[in-house]
Structure formats: structure tokens, C-alpha cells
Amino acid sequence: MSSDDVQVIPPALAQRPLLGDDEVGELSRLFAVLANDTRLRILHAIARSDEASVTAIADDVGSSTQSVSNHLQRMADQNIVATRRDGNRIFYRLIDPCVGGVMELGLCLLGHNPICDA
């Protein structure tokens, strides 16, 4: 695939009015939440299993349950994840359909995704 075959700027972004203060602030907060090693691993762990308990996520990412809970709360505040209670256990799942795409796009930008090879 040549660079001529790829549209670099999505048409919707090119046609959008210049971002205002509110949008820039929201984007900054969102990217700040995503710009964390542990949170990215947590998101990937959840994506790989569709839904996971805090304990399972903590085991997967090698972190304490308290730390994972704190990270999950930040992501819940941004409406990235949601919870389901089953007795004493709380399960987390991704609810933002764009998060997986953002992570794949990031891997593509880093050259870690075979579909992005030119």
C-alpha cells in the first residue's frame, strides 16, 4: 500500500470547525487518562477477555488490586469502562467503542501492527 492510497487526514476532522476550549479540555483529559502504562495494560487485559474482575486484571498486569481499582475509577470517570456486580465481585468491561481503535491506531503509528505495513 503506498502513501497515495491512504488518506492521512480523515475528512470529518478536516471539515470540523477549529476545536474550542471545551473540546480541547475534554480531549486533554481523555488523553491524560490513556497516557499511562498501567491503564493501557488494564484496557488491553479487559479487551482480551471482554470482561474481567479487578483481581484478574491485577494478576494480568502485575499490579495490586488497589492500584488497579484506582486506575479503573479514573477510566470509569471518562466513561471508558463500566461495572457489573456479581455478589462481592465487580467485573469491568469496555463501554467506549473507540478505545480499541485508538489503541490499534497507536500500535499502527508505532509500526507494531501488520495491517499498517506499507
PDB file of N, CA and C in Angstrom:
ATOM      1  N   MET A   1       0.842  -1.170   0.000  1.00  0.00           N
ATOM      2  CA  MET A   1       0.000   0.000   0.000  1.00  0.00           C
ATOM      3  C   MET A   1       0.886   1.231   0.000  1.00  0.00           C
ATOM      4  N   SER A   2       0.699   2.100  -0.936  1.00  0.00           N
ATOM      5  CA  SER A   2       1.501   3.319  -0.989  1.00  0.00           C
ATOM      6  C   SER A   2       0.831   4.414  -0.193  1.00  0.00           C
ATOM      7  N   SER A   3       1.611   5.454   0.111  1.00  0.00           N
ATOM      8  CA  SER A   3       1.046   6.569   0.863  1.00  0.00           C
ATOM      9  C   SER A   3      -0.036   7.284   0.063  1.00  0.00           C
ATOM     10  N   ASP A   4      -0.024   7.133  -1.262  1.00  0.00           N
ATOM     11  CA  ASP A   4      -1.064   7.735  -2.095  1.00  0.00           C
ATOM     12  C   ASP A   4      -2.403   7.045  -1.892  1.00  0.00           C
ATOM     13  N   ASP A   5      -2.372   5.775  -1.444  1.00  0.00           N
ATOM     14  CA  ASP A   5      -3.597   5.009  -1.243  1.00  0.00           C
ATOM     15  C   ASP A   5      -4.238   5.284   0.119  1.00  0.00           C
ATOM     16  N   VAL A   6      -3.540   5.968   0.987  1.00  0.00           N
ATOM     17  CA  VAL A   6      -4.006   6.194   2.348  1.00  0.00           C
ATOM     18  C   VAL A   6      -4.371   7.662   2.523  1.00  0.00           C
ATOM     19  N   GLN A   7      -5.571   7.887   3.048  1.00  0.00           N
ATOM     20  CA  GLN A   7      -5.969   9.254   3.335  1.00  0.00           C
ATOM     21  C   GLN A   7      -5.417   9.615   4.714  1.00  0.00           C
ATOM     22  N   VAL A   8      -4.541  10.603   4.771  1.00  0.00           N
ATOM     23  CA  VAL A   8      -3.847  10.954   6.002  1.00  0.00           C
ATOM     24  C   VAL A   8      -4.770  11.680   6.969  1.00  0.00           C
ATOM     25  N   ILE A   9      -5.564  12.598   6.487  1.00  0.00           N
ATOM     26  CA  ILE A   9      -6.470  13.368   7.338  1.00  0.00           C
ATOM     27  C   ILE A   9      -7.894  12.860   7.114  1.00  0.00           C
ATOM     28  N   PRO A  10      -8.549  12.355   8.156  1.00  0.00           N
ATOM     29  CA  PRO A  10      -9.937  11.926   7.984  1.00  0.00           C
ATOM     30  C   PRO A  10     -10.806  13.115   7.544  1.00  0.00           C
ATOM     31  N   PRO A  11     -11.674  12.906   6.561  1.00  0.00           N
ATOM     32  CA  PRO A  11     -12.492  14.012   6.069  1.00  0.00           C
ATOM     33  C   PRO A  11     -13.296  14.707   7.176  1.00  0.00           C
ATOM     34  N   ALA A  12     -13.833  13.931   8.108  1.00  0.00           N
ATOM     35  CA  ALA A  12     -14.635  14.537   9.179  1.00  0.00           C
ATOM     36  C   ALA A  12     -13.798  15.503  10.012  1.00  0.00           C
ATOM     37  N   LEU A  13     -12.540  15.171  10.258  1.00  0.00           N
ATOM     38  CA  LEU A  13     -11.669  16.051  11.038  1.00  0.00           C
ATOM     39  C   LEU A  13     -11.325  17.307  10.239  1.00  0.00           C
ATOM     40  N   ALA A  14     -11.054  17.148   8.968  1.00  0.00           N
ATOM     41  CA  ALA A  14     -10.692  18.285   8.122  1.00  0.00           C
ATOM     42  C   ALA A  14     -11.841  19.280   7.982  1.00  0.00           C
ATOM     43  N   GLN A  15     -13.070  18.789   8.051  1.00  0.00           N
ATOM     44  CA  GLN A  15     -14.232  19.650   7.870  1.00  0.00           C
ATOM     45  C   GLN A  15     -14.755  20.236   9.177  1.00  0.00           C
ATOM     46  N   ARG A  16     -14.242  19.762  10.284  1.00  0.00           N
ATOM     47  CA  ARG A  16     -14.708  20.218  11.600  1.00  0.00           C
ATOM     48  C   ARG A  16     -14.201  21.632  11.868  1.00  0.00           C
ATOM     49  N   PRO A  17     -15.034  22.477  12.485  1.00  0.00           N
ATOM     50  CA  PRO A  17     -14.531  23.802  12.892  1.00  0.00           C
ATOM     51  C   PRO A  17     -13.374  23.633  13.880  1.00  0.00           C
ATOM     52  N   LEU A  18     -12.510  24.631  13.955  1.00  0.00           N
ATOM     53  CA  LEU A  18     -11.381  24.578  14.874  1.00  0.00           C
ATOM     54  C   LEU A  18     -11.886  24.263  16.284  1.00  0.00           C
ATOM     55  N   LEU A  19     -11.202  23.359  16.941  1.00  0.00           N
ATOM     56  CA  LEU A  19     -11.619  22.931  18.274  1.00  0.00           C
ATOM     57  C   LEU A  19     -11.696  24.109  19.236  1.00  0.00           C
ATOM     58  N   GLY A  20     -12.757  24.124  20.016  1.00  0.00           N
ATOM     59  CA  GLY A  20     -12.928  25.159  21.028  1.00  0.00           C
ATOM     60  C   GLY A  20     -12.313  24.735  22.348  1.00  0.00           C
ATOM     61  N   ASP A  21     -12.352  25.626  23.316  1.00  0.00           N
ATOM     62  CA  ASP A  21     -11.755  25.378  24.630  1.00  0.00           C
ATOM     63  C   ASP A  21     -12.332  24.138  25.303  1.00  0.00           C
ATOM     64  N   ASP A  22     -13.666  23.958  25.241  1.00  0.00           N
ATOM     65  CA  ASP A  22     -14.288  22.801  25.891  1.00  0.00           C
ATOM     66  C   ASP A  22     -13.811  21.489  25.273  1.00  0.00           C
ATOM     67  N   GLU A  23     -13.782  21.443  23.932  1.00  0.00           N
ATOM     68  CA  GLU A  23     -13.349  20.216  23.259  1.00  0.00           C
ATOM     69  C   GLU A  23     -11.880  19.917  23.528  1.00  0.00           C
ATOM     70  N   VAL A  24     -11.060  20.940  23.491  1.00  0.00           N
ATOM     71  CA  VAL A  24      -9.632  20.752  23.764  1.00  0.00           C
ATOM     72  C   VAL A  24      -9.430  20.252  25.189  1.00  0.00           C
ATOM     73  N   GLY A  25     -10.165  20.810  26.128  1.00  0.00           N
ATOM     74  CA  GLY A  25     -10.061  20.366  27.519  1.00  0.00           C
ATOM     75  C   GLY A  25     -10.476  18.924  27.689  1.00  0.00           C
ATOM     76  N   GLU A  26     -11.590  18.545  27.052  1.00  0.00           N
ATOM     77  CA  GLU A  26     -12.054  17.161  27.136  1.00  0.00           C
ATOM     78  C   GLU A  26     -11.048  16.205  26.513  1.00  0.00           C
ATOM     79  N   LEU A  27     -10.524  16.566  25.353  1.00  0.00           N
ATOM     80  CA  LEU A  27      -9.516  15.722  24.701  1.00  0.00           C
ATOM     81  C   LEU A  27      -8.264  15.587  25.554  1.00  0.00           C
ATOM     82  N   SER A  28      -7.835  16.678  26.145  1.00  0.00           N
ATOM     83  CA  SER A  28      -6.640  16.644  27.002  1.00  0.00           C
ATOM     84  C   SER A  28      -6.848  15.712  28.184  1.00  0.00           C
ATOM     85  N   ARG A  29      -8.018  15.797  28.816  1.00  0.00           N
ATOM     86  CA  ARG A  29      -8.309  14.917  29.958  1.00  0.00           C
ATOM     87  C   ARG A  29      -8.361  13.453  29.523  1.00  0.00           C
ATOM     88  N   LEU A  30      -8.986  13.202  28.374  1.00  0.00           N
ATOM     89  CA  LEU A  30      -9.062  11.836  27.868  1.00  0.00           C
ATOM     90  C   LEU A  30      -7.676  11.283  27.571  1.00  0.00           C
ATOM     91  N   PHE A  31      -6.861  12.051  26.844  1.00  0.00           N
ATOM     92  CA  PHE A  31      -5.519  11.578  26.516  1.00  0.00           C
ATOM     93  C   PHE A  31      -4.659  11.427  27.769  1.00  0.00           C
ATOM     94  N   ALA A  32      -4.877  12.249  28.790  1.00  0.00           N
ATOM     95  CA  ALA A  32      -4.132  12.102  30.051  1.00  0.00           C
ATOM     96  C   ALA A  32      -4.480  10.777  30.721  1.00  0.00           C
ATOM     97  N   VAL A  33      -5.749  10.388  30.649  1.00  0.00           N
ATOM     98  CA  VAL A  33      -6.158   9.103  31.229  1.00  0.00           C
ATOM     99  C   VAL A  33      -5.536   7.951  30.446  1.00  0.00           C
ATOM    100  N   LEU A  34      -5.514   8.068  29.125  1.00  0.00           N
ATOM    101  CA  LEU A  34      -4.965   6.990  28.302  1.00  0.00           C
ATOM    102  C   LEU A  34      -3.441   6.953  28.312  1.00  0.00           C
ATOM    103  N   ALA A  35      -2.796   8.046  28.658  1.00  0.00           N
ATOM    104  CA  ALA A  35      -1.329   8.135  28.603  1.00  0.00           C
ATOM    105  C   ALA A  35      -0.695   7.608  29.879  1.00  0.00           C
ATOM    106  N   ASN A  36      -0.992   6.366  30.215  1.00  0.00           N
ATOM    107  CA  ASN A  36      -0.454   5.756  31.421  1.00  0.00           C
ATOM    108  C   ASN A  36      -0.200   4.284  31.117  1.00  0.00           C
ATOM    109  N   ASP A  37       1.007   3.820  31.408  1.00  0.00           N
ATOM    110  CA  ASP A  37       1.392   2.436  31.109  1.00  0.00           C
ATOM    111  C   ASP A  37       0.412   1.424  31.705  1.00  0.00           C
ATOM    112  N   THR A  38       0.126   1.574  32.984  1.00  0.00           N
ATOM    113  CA  THR A  38      -0.741   0.607  33.668  1.00  0.00           C
ATOM    114  C   THR A  38      -2.146   0.638  33.107  1.00  0.00           C
ATOM    115  N   ARG A  39      -2.685   1.832  32.862  1.00  0.00           N
ATOM    116  CA  ARG A  39      -4.047   1.915  32.323  1.00  0.00           C
ATOM    117  C   ARG A  39      -4.131   1.295  30.933  1.00  0.00           C
ATOM    118  N   LEU A  40      -3.119   1.468  30.105  1.00  0.00           N
ATOM    119  CA  LEU A  40      -3.132   0.826  28.787  1.00  0.00           C
ATOM    120  C   LEU A  40      -3.112  -0.695  28.916  1.00  0.00           C
ATOM    121  N   ARG A  41      -2.327  -1.206  29.842  1.00  0.00           N
ATOM    122  CA  ARG A  41      -2.303  -2.665  30.066  1.00  0.00           C
ATOM    123  C   ARG A  41      -3.649  -3.143  30.598  1.00  0.00           C
ATOM    124  N   ILE A  42      -4.252  -2.373  31.495  1.00  0.00           N
ATOM    125  CA  ILE A  42      -5.572  -2.729  32.034  1.00  0.00           C
ATOM    126  C   ILE A  42      -6.596  -2.787  30.902  1.00  0.00           C
ATOM    127  N   LEU A  43      -6.603  -1.776  30.047  1.00  0.00           N
ATOM    128  CA  LEU A  43      -7.542  -1.759  28.926  1.00  0.00           C
ATOM    129  C   LEU A  43      -7.334  -2.958  28.015  1.00  0.00           C
ATOM    130  N   HIS A  44      -6.078  -3.292  27.753  1.00  0.00           N
ATOM    131  CA  HIS A  44      -5.804  -4.445  26.901  1.00  0.00           C
ATOM    132  C   HIS A  44      -6.254  -5.735  27.576  1.00  0.00           C
ATOM    133  N   ALA A  45      -6.019  -5.854  28.869  1.00  0.00           N
ATOM    134  CA  ALA A  45      -6.451  -7.052  29.604  1.00  0.00           C
ATOM    135  C   ALA A  45      -7.970  -7.207  29.530  1.00  0.00           C
ATOM    136  N   ILE A  46      -8.693  -6.115  29.691  1.00  0.00           N
ATOM    137  CA  ILE A  46     -10.156  -6.184  29.608  1.00  0.00           C
ATOM    138  C   ILE A  46     -10.580  -6.525  28.183  1.00  0.00           C
ATOM    139  N   ALA A  47      -9.971  -5.897  27.205  1.00  0.00           N
ATOM    140  CA  ALA A  47     -10.326  -6.143  25.805  1.00  0.00           C
ATOM    141  C   ALA A  47     -10.102  -7.604  25.419  1.00  0.00           C
ATOM    142  N   ARG A  48      -9.073  -8.214  25.970  1.00  0.00           N
ATOM    143  CA  ARG A  48      -8.764  -9.615  25.650  1.00  0.00           C
ATOM    144  C   ARG A  48      -9.764 -10.579  26.246  1.00  0.00           C
ATOM    145  N   SER A  49     -10.471 -10.163  27.305  1.00  0.00           N
ATOM    146  CA  SER A  49     -11.394 -11.076  27.972  1.00  0.00           C
ATOM    147  C   SER A  49     -12.843 -10.603  27.944  1.00  0.00           C
ATOM    148  N   ASP A  50     -13.126  -9.507  27.294  1.00  0.00           N
ATOM    149  CA  ASP A  50     -14.455  -8.895  27.237  1.00  0.00           C
ATOM    150  C   ASP A  50     -14.891  -8.292  28.572  1.00  0.00           C
ATOM    151  N   GLU A  51     -14.599  -8.999  29.652  1.00  0.00           N
ATOM    152  CA  GLU A  51     -14.993  -8.550  30.988  1.00  0.00           C
ATOM    153  C   GLU A  51     -14.062  -9.224  31.984  1.00  0.00           C
ATOM    154  N   ALA A  52     -13.659  -8.498  33.029  1.00  0.00           N
ATOM    155  CA  ALA A  52     -12.731  -9.096  33.987  1.00  0.00           C
ATOM    156  C   ALA A  52     -12.912  -8.469  35.363  1.00  0.00           C
ATOM    157  N   SER A  53     -12.612  -9.267  36.386  1.00  0.00           N
ATOM    158  CA  SER A  53     -12.660  -8.768  37.760  1.00  0.00           C
ATOM    159  C   SER A  53     -11.387  -7.990  38.056  1.00  0.00           C
ATOM    160  N   VAL A  54     -11.450  -7.172  39.097  1.00  0.00           N
ATOM    161  CA  VAL A  54     -10.277  -6.396  39.500  1.00  0.00           C
ATOM    162  C   VAL A  54      -9.117  -7.328  39.822  1.00  0.00           C
ATOM    163  N   THR A  55      -9.403  -8.428  40.504  1.00  0.00           N
ATOM    164  CA  THR A  55      -8.355  -9.384  40.870  1.00  0.00           C
ATOM    165  C   THR A  55      -7.702  -9.983  39.632  1.00  0.00           C
ATOM    166  N   ALA A  56      -8.510 -10.385  38.655  1.00  0.00           N
ATOM    167  CA  ALA A  56      -7.960 -10.967  37.430  1.00  0.00           C
ATOM    168  C   ALA A  56      -7.130  -9.939  36.665  1.00  0.00           C
ATOM    169  N   ILE A  57      -7.622  -8.710  36.605  1.00  0.00           N
ATOM    170  CA  ILE A  57      -6.882  -7.656  35.908  1.00  0.00           C
ATOM    171  C   ILE A  57      -5.555  -7.402  36.622  1.00  0.00           C
ATOM    172  N   ALA A  58      -5.597  -7.311  37.955  1.00  0.00           N
ATOM    173  CA  ALA A  58      -4.376  -7.065  38.724  1.00  0.00           C
ATOM    174  C   ALA A  58      -3.358  -8.173  38.487  1.00  0.00           C
ATOM    175  N   ASP A  59      -3.816  -9.419  38.450  1.00  0.00           N
ATOM    176  CA  ASP A  59      -2.919 -10.543  38.166  1.00  0.00           C
ATOM    177  C   ASP A  59      -2.322 -10.426  36.770  1.00  0.00           C
ATOM    178  N   ASP A  60      -3.157 -10.078  35.788  1.00  0.00           N
ATOM    179  CA  ASP A  60      -2.694  -9.955  34.397  1.00  0.00           C
ATOM    180  C   ASP A  60      -1.628  -8.881  34.242  1.00  0.00           C
ATOM    181  N   VAL A  61      -1.837  -7.728  34.876  1.00  0.00           N
ATOM    182  CA  VAL A  61      -0.926  -6.588  34.657  1.00  0.00           C
ATOM    183  C   VAL A  61       0.181  -6.512  35.701  1.00  0.00           C
ATOM    184  N   GLY A  62       0.145  -7.396  36.710  1.00  0.00           N
ATOM    185  CA  GLY A  62       1.201  -7.405  37.720  1.00  0.00           C
ATOM    186  C   GLY A  62       1.154  -6.200  38.644  1.00  0.00           C
ATOM    187  N   SER A  63      -0.043  -5.841  39.064  1.00  0.00           N
ATOM    188  CA  SER A  63      -0.217  -4.682  39.927  1.00  0.00           C
ATOM    189  C   SER A  63      -1.134  -5.062  41.085  1.00  0.00           C
ATOM    190  N   SER A  64      -1.197  -4.227  42.092  1.00  0.00           N
ATOM    191  CA  SER A  64      -2.069  -4.516  43.233  1.00  0.00           C
ATOM    192  C   SER A  64      -3.524  -4.236  42.862  1.00  0.00           C
ATOM    193  N   THR A  65      -4.438  -4.899  43.562  1.00  0.00           N
ATOM    194  CA  THR A  65      -5.854  -4.662  43.298  1.00  0.00           C
ATOM    195  C   THR A  65      -6.239  -3.221  43.622  1.00  0.00           C
ATOM    196  N   GLN A  66      -5.629  -2.634  44.641  1.00  0.00           N
ATOM    197  CA  GLN A  66      -5.931  -1.238  44.988  1.00  0.00           C
ATOM    198  C   GLN A  66      -5.502  -0.296  43.867  1.00  0.00           C
ATOM    199  N   SER A  67      -4.323  -0.525  43.330  1.00  0.00           N
ATOM    200  CA  SER A  67      -3.839   0.303  42.231  1.00  0.00           C
ATOM    201  C   SER A  67      -4.738   0.160  41.010  1.00  0.00           C
ATOM    202  N   VAL A  68      -5.092  -1.071  40.664  1.00  0.00           N
ATOM    203  CA  VAL A  68      -5.962  -1.318  39.512  1.00  0.00           C
ATOM    204  C   VAL A  68      -7.319  -0.663  39.736  1.00  0.00           C
ATOM    205  N   SER A  69      -7.855  -0.778  40.938  1.00  0.00           N
ATOM    206  CA  SER A  69      -9.141  -0.144  41.249  1.00  0.00           C
ATOM    207  C   SER A  69      -9.079   1.361  41.040  1.00  0.00           C
ATOM    208  N   ASN A  70      -7.998   1.975  41.482  1.00  0.00           N
ATOM    209  CA  ASN A  70      -7.838   3.419  41.301  1.00  0.00           C
ATOM    210  C   ASN A  70      -7.783   3.792  39.823  1.00  0.00           C
ATOM    211  N   HIS A  71      -7.037   3.027  39.038  1.00  0.00           N
ATOM    212  CA  HIS A  71      -6.949   3.286  37.607  1.00  0.00           C
ATOM    213  C   HIS A  71      -8.313   3.089  36.936  1.00  0.00           C
ATOM    214  N   LEU A  72      -9.008   2.028  37.319  1.00  0.00           N
ATOM    215  CA  LEU A  72     -10.321   1.764  36.737  1.00  0.00           C
ATOM    216  C   LEU A  72     -11.305   2.884  37.062  1.00  0.00           C
ATOM    217  N   GLN A  73     -11.198   3.454  38.255  1.00  0.00           N
ATOM    218  CA  GLN A  73     -12.083   4.561  38.617  1.00  0.00           C
ATOM    219  C   GLN A  73     -11.844   5.766  37.704  1.00  0.00           C
ATOM    220  N   ARG A  74     -10.588   6.057  37.431  1.00  0.00           N
ATOM    221  CA  ARG A  74     -10.277   7.167  36.506  1.00  0.00           C
ATOM    222  C   ARG A  74     -10.867   6.904  35.130  1.00  0.00           C
ATOM    223  N   MET A  75     -10.797   5.650  34.681  1.00  0.00           N
ATOM    224  CA  MET A  75     -11.348   5.322  33.363  1.00  0.00           C
ATOM    225  C   MET A  75     -12.876   5.314  33.378  1.00  0.00           C
ATOM    226  N   ALA A  76     -13.463   4.929  34.498  1.00  0.00           N
ATOM    227  CA  ALA A  76     -14.921   4.989  34.620  1.00  0.00           C
ATOM    228  C   ALA A  76     -15.400   6.441  34.601  1.00  0.00           C
ATOM    229  N   ASP A  77     -14.629   7.329  35.209  1.00  0.00           N
ATOM    230  CA  ASP A  77     -14.971   8.752  35.202  1.00  0.00           C
ATOM    231  C   ASP A  77     -15.000   9.321  33.789  1.00  0.00           C
ATOM    232  N   GLN A  78     -14.228   8.746  32.876  1.00  0.00           N
ATOM    233  CA  GLN A  78     -14.191   9.172  31.476  1.00  0.00           C
ATOM    234  C   GLN A  78     -15.139   8.339  30.601  1.00  0.00           C
ATOM    235  N   ASN A  79     -15.957   7.491  31.238  1.00  0.00           N
ATOM    236  CA  ASN A  79     -16.910   6.630  30.515  1.00  0.00           C
ATOM    237  C   ASN A  79     -16.225   5.703  29.517  1.00  0.00           C
ATOM    238  N   ILE A  80     -15.071   5.196  29.930  1.00  0.00           N
ATOM    239  CA  ILE A  80     -14.340   4.226  29.104  1.00  0.00           C
ATOM    240  C   ILE A  80     -14.718   2.808  29.515  1.00  0.00           C
ATOM    241  N   VAL A  81     -14.910   2.594  30.824  1.00  0.00           N
ATOM    242  CA  VAL A  81     -15.285   1.280  31.348  1.00  0.00           C
ATOM    243  C   VAL A  81     -16.547   1.403  32.203  1.00  0.00           C
ATOM    244  N   ALA A  82     -17.218   0.268  32.374  1.00  0.00           N
ATOM    245  CA  ALA A  82     -18.387   0.186  33.251  1.00  0.00           C
ATOM    246  C   ALA A  82     -18.274  -1.084  34.079  1.00  0.00           C
ATOM    247  N   THR A  83     -19.087  -1.174  35.109  1.00  0.00           N
ATOM    248  CA  THR A  83     -19.015  -2.299  36.033  1.00  0.00           C
ATOM    249  C   THR A  83     -20.293  -3.128  36.019  1.00  0.00           C
ATOM    250  N   ARG A  84     -20.102  -4.371  36.478  1.00  0.00           N
ATOM    251  CA  ARG A  84     -21.216  -5.278  36.742  1.00  0.00           C
ATOM    252  C   ARG A  84     -20.867  -6.011  38.025  1.00  0.00           C
ATOM    253  N   ARG A  85     -21.797  -6.016  38.963  1.00  0.00           N
ATOM    254  CA  ARG A  85     -21.560  -6.686  40.235  1.00  0.00           C
ATOM    255  C   ARG A  85     -22.158  -8.086  40.187  1.00  0.00           C
ATOM    256  N   ASP A  86     -21.377  -9.056  40.713  1.00  0.00           N
ATOM    257  CA  ASP A  86     -21.835 -10.428  40.863  1.00  0.00           C
ATOM    258  C   ASP A  86     -21.444 -10.847  42.273  1.00  0.00           C
ATOM    259  N   GLY A  87     -22.363 -10.700  43.211  1.00  0.00           N
ATOM    260  CA  GLY A  87     -22.049 -10.960  44.610  1.00  0.00           C
ATOM    261  C   GLY A  87     -21.065  -9.919  45.110  1.00  0.00           C
ATOM    262  N   ASN A  88     -19.937 -10.389  45.618  1.00  0.00           N
ATOM    263  CA  ASN A  88     -18.904  -9.477  46.119  1.00  0.00           C
ATOM    264  C   ASN A  88     -17.914  -9.043  45.047  1.00  0.00           C
ATOM    265  N   ARG A  89     -18.010  -9.647  43.888  1.00  0.00           N
ATOM    266  CA  ARG A  89     -17.039  -9.339  42.820  1.00  0.00           C
ATOM    267  C   ARG A  89     -17.599  -8.297  41.867  1.00  0.00           C
ATOM    268  N   ILE A  90     -16.722  -7.423  41.434  1.00  0.00           N
ATOM    269  CA  ILE A  90     -17.084  -6.413  40.447  1.00  0.00           C
ATOM    270  C   ILE A  90     -16.304  -6.714  39.172  1.00  0.00           C
ATOM    271  N   PHE A  91     -17.022  -6.753  38.071  1.00  0.00           N
ATOM    272  CA  PHE A  91     -16.428  -7.023  36.774  1.00  0.00           C
ATOM    273  C   PHE A  91     -16.439  -5.740  35.950  1.00  0.00           C
ATOM    274  N   TYR A  92     -15.374  -5.535  35.206  1.00  0.00           N
ATOM    275  CA  TYR A  92     -15.242  -4.353  34.356  1.00  0.00           C
ATOM    276  C   TYR A  92     -15.273  -4.767  32.905  1.00  0.00           C
ATOM    277  N   ARG A  93     -15.870  -3.893  32.082  1.00  0.00           N
ATOM    278  CA  ARG A  93     -15.909  -4.093  30.640  1.00  0.00           C
ATOM    279  C   ARG A  93     -15.733  -2.743  29.957  1.00  0.00           C
ATOM    280  N   LEU A  94     -15.216  -2.787  28.732  1.00  0.00           N
ATOM    281  CA  LEU A  94     -15.080  -1.563  27.944  1.00  0.00           C
ATOM    282  C   LEU A  94     -16.460  -1.156  27.454  1.00  0.00           C
ATOM    283  N   ILE A  95     -16.777   0.132  27.550  1.00  0.00           N
ATOM    284  CA  ILE A  95     -18.054   0.605  27.020  1.00  0.00           C
ATOM    285  C   ILE A  95     -17.868   1.641  25.922  1.00  0.00           C
ATOM    286  N   ASP A  96     -16.666   2.147  25.770  1.00  0.00           N
ATOM    287  CA  ASP A  96     -16.407   3.113  24.712  1.00  0.00           C
ATOM    288  C   ASP A  96     -15.934   2.346  23.482  1.00  0.00           C
ATOM    289  N   PRO A  97     -16.723   2.357  22.414  1.00  0.00           N
ATOM    290  CA  PRO A  97     -16.364   1.550  21.245  1.00  0.00           C
ATOM    291  C   PRO A  97     -15.127   2.057  20.506  1.00  0.00           C
ATOM    292  N   CYS A  98     -14.644   3.226  20.838  1.00  0.00           N
ATOM    293  CA  CYS A  98     -13.491   3.802  20.135  1.00  0.00           C
ATOM    294  C   CYS A  98     -12.151   3.437  20.778  1.00  0.00           C
ATOM    295  N   VAL A  99     -12.160   2.997  22.026  1.00  0.00           N
ATOM    296  CA  VAL A  99     -10.907   2.778  22.752  1.00  0.00           C
ATOM    297  C   VAL A  99     -10.026   1.734  22.071  1.00  0.00           C
ATOM    298  N   GLY A 100     -10.610   0.621  21.672  1.00  0.00           N
ATOM    299  CA  GLY A 100      -9.820  -0.404  20.992  1.00  0.00           C
ATOM    300  C   GLY A 100      -9.203   0.121  19.711  1.00  0.00           C
ATOM    301  N   GLY A 101      -9.958   0.914  18.973  1.00  0.00           N
ATOM    302  CA  GLY A 101      -9.449   1.504  17.744  1.00  0.00           C
ATOM    303  C   GLY A 101      -8.312   2.479  17.997  1.00  0.00           C
ATOM    304  N   VAL A 102      -8.423   3.249  19.085  1.00  0.00           N
ATOM    305  CA  VAL A 102      -7.352   4.195  19.430  1.00  0.00           C
ATOM    306  C   VAL A 102      -6.076   3.427  19.767  1.00  0.00           C
ATOM    307  N   MET A 103      -6.212   2.326  20.510  1.00  0.00           N
ATOM    308  CA  MET A 103      -5.037   1.530  20.856  1.00  0.00           C
ATOM    309  C   MET A 103      -4.431   0.893  19.609  1.00  0.00           C
ATOM    310  N   GLU A 104      -5.269   0.353  18.726  1.00  0.00           N
ATOM    311  CA  GLU A 104      -4.766  -0.233  17.475  1.00  0.00           C
ATOM    312  C   GLU A 104      -4.090   0.834  16.616  1.00  0.00           C
ATOM    313  N   LEU A 105      -4.689   2.023  16.564  1.00  0.00           N
ATOM    314  CA  LEU A 105      -4.093   3.113  15.794  1.00  0.00           C
ATOM    315  C   LEU A 105      -2.726   3.485  16.373  1.00  0.00           C
ATOM    316  N   GLY A 106      -2.632   3.541  17.696  1.00  0.00           N
ATOM    317  CA  GLY A 106      -1.345   3.826  18.327  1.00  0.00           C
ATOM    318  C   GLY A 106      -0.299   2.783  17.962  1.00  0.00           C
ATOM    319  N   LEU A 107      -0.684   1.506  17.996  1.00  0.00           N
ATOM    320  CA  LEU A 107       0.244   0.442  17.620  1.00  0.00           C
ATOM    321  C   LEU A 107       0.621   0.553  16.141  1.00  0.00           C
ATOM    322  N   CYS A 108      -0.348   0.934  15.334  1.00  0.00           N
ATOM    323  CA  CYS A 108      -0.080   1.144  13.905  1.00  0.00           C
ATOM    324  C   CYS A 108       0.938   2.272  13.722  1.00  0.00           C
ATOM    325  N   LEU A 109       0.741   3.373  14.432  1.00  0.00           N
ATOM    326  CA  LEU A 109       1.659   4.506  14.321  1.00  0.00           C
ATOM    327  C   LEU A 109       3.073   4.128  14.748  1.00  0.00           C
ATOM    328  N   LEU A 110       3.172   3.184  15.681  1.00  0.00           N
ATOM    329  CA  LEU A 110       4.483   2.732  16.149  1.00  0.00           C
ATOM    330  C   LEU A 110       5.072   1.633  15.261  1.00  0.00           C
ATOM    331  N   GLY A 111       4.297   1.174  14.285  1.00  0.00           N
ATOM    332  CA  GLY A 111       4.760   0.119  13.392  1.00  0.00           C
ATOM    333  C   GLY A 111       4.605  -1.271  13.967  1.00  0.00           C
ATOM    334  N   HIS A 112       3.727  -1.441  14.974  1.00  0.00           N
ATOM    335  CA  HIS A 112       3.533  -2.734  15.620  1.00  0.00           C
ATOM    336  C   HIS A 112       2.260  -3.421  15.167  1.00  0.00           C
ATOM    337  N   ASN A 113       1.774  -3.065  13.997  1.00  0.00           N
ATOM    338  CA  ASN A 113       0.529  -3.647  13.514  1.00  0.00           C
ATOM    339  C   ASN A 113       0.726  -4.012  12.045  1.00  0.00           C
ATOM    340  N   PRO A 114       0.642  -5.284  11.716  1.00  0.00           N
ATOM    341  CA  PRO A 114       0.938  -5.709  10.342  1.00  0.00           C
ATOM    342  C   PRO A 114       0.011  -5.082   9.298  1.00  0.00           C
ATOM    343  N   ILE A 115      -1.206  -4.691   9.650  1.00  0.00           N
ATOM    344  CA  ILE A 115      -2.088  -4.098   8.637  1.00  0.00           C
ATOM    345  C   ILE A 115      -1.625  -2.704   8.220  1.00  0.00           C
ATOM    346  N   CYS A 116      -0.716  -2.122   8.980  1.00  0.00           N
ATOM    347  CA  CYS A 116      -0.245  -0.776   8.677  1.00  0.00           C
ATOM    348  C   CYS A 116       1.055  -0.770   7.881  1.00  0.00           C
ATOM    349  N   ASP A 117       1.594  -1.955   7.607  1.00  0.00           N
ATOM    350  CA  ASP A 117       2.841  -2.008   6.829  1.00  0.00           C
ATOM    351  C   ASP A 117       2.607  -1.488   5.422  1.00  0.00           C
ATOM    352  N   ALA A 118       3.519  -0.657   4.988  1.00  0.00           N
ATOM    353  CA  ALA A 118       3.393  -0.112   3.622  1.00  0.00           C
ATOM    354  C   ALA A 118       4.117  -0.988   2.641  1.00  0.00           C
TER     355      ALA A 118
END
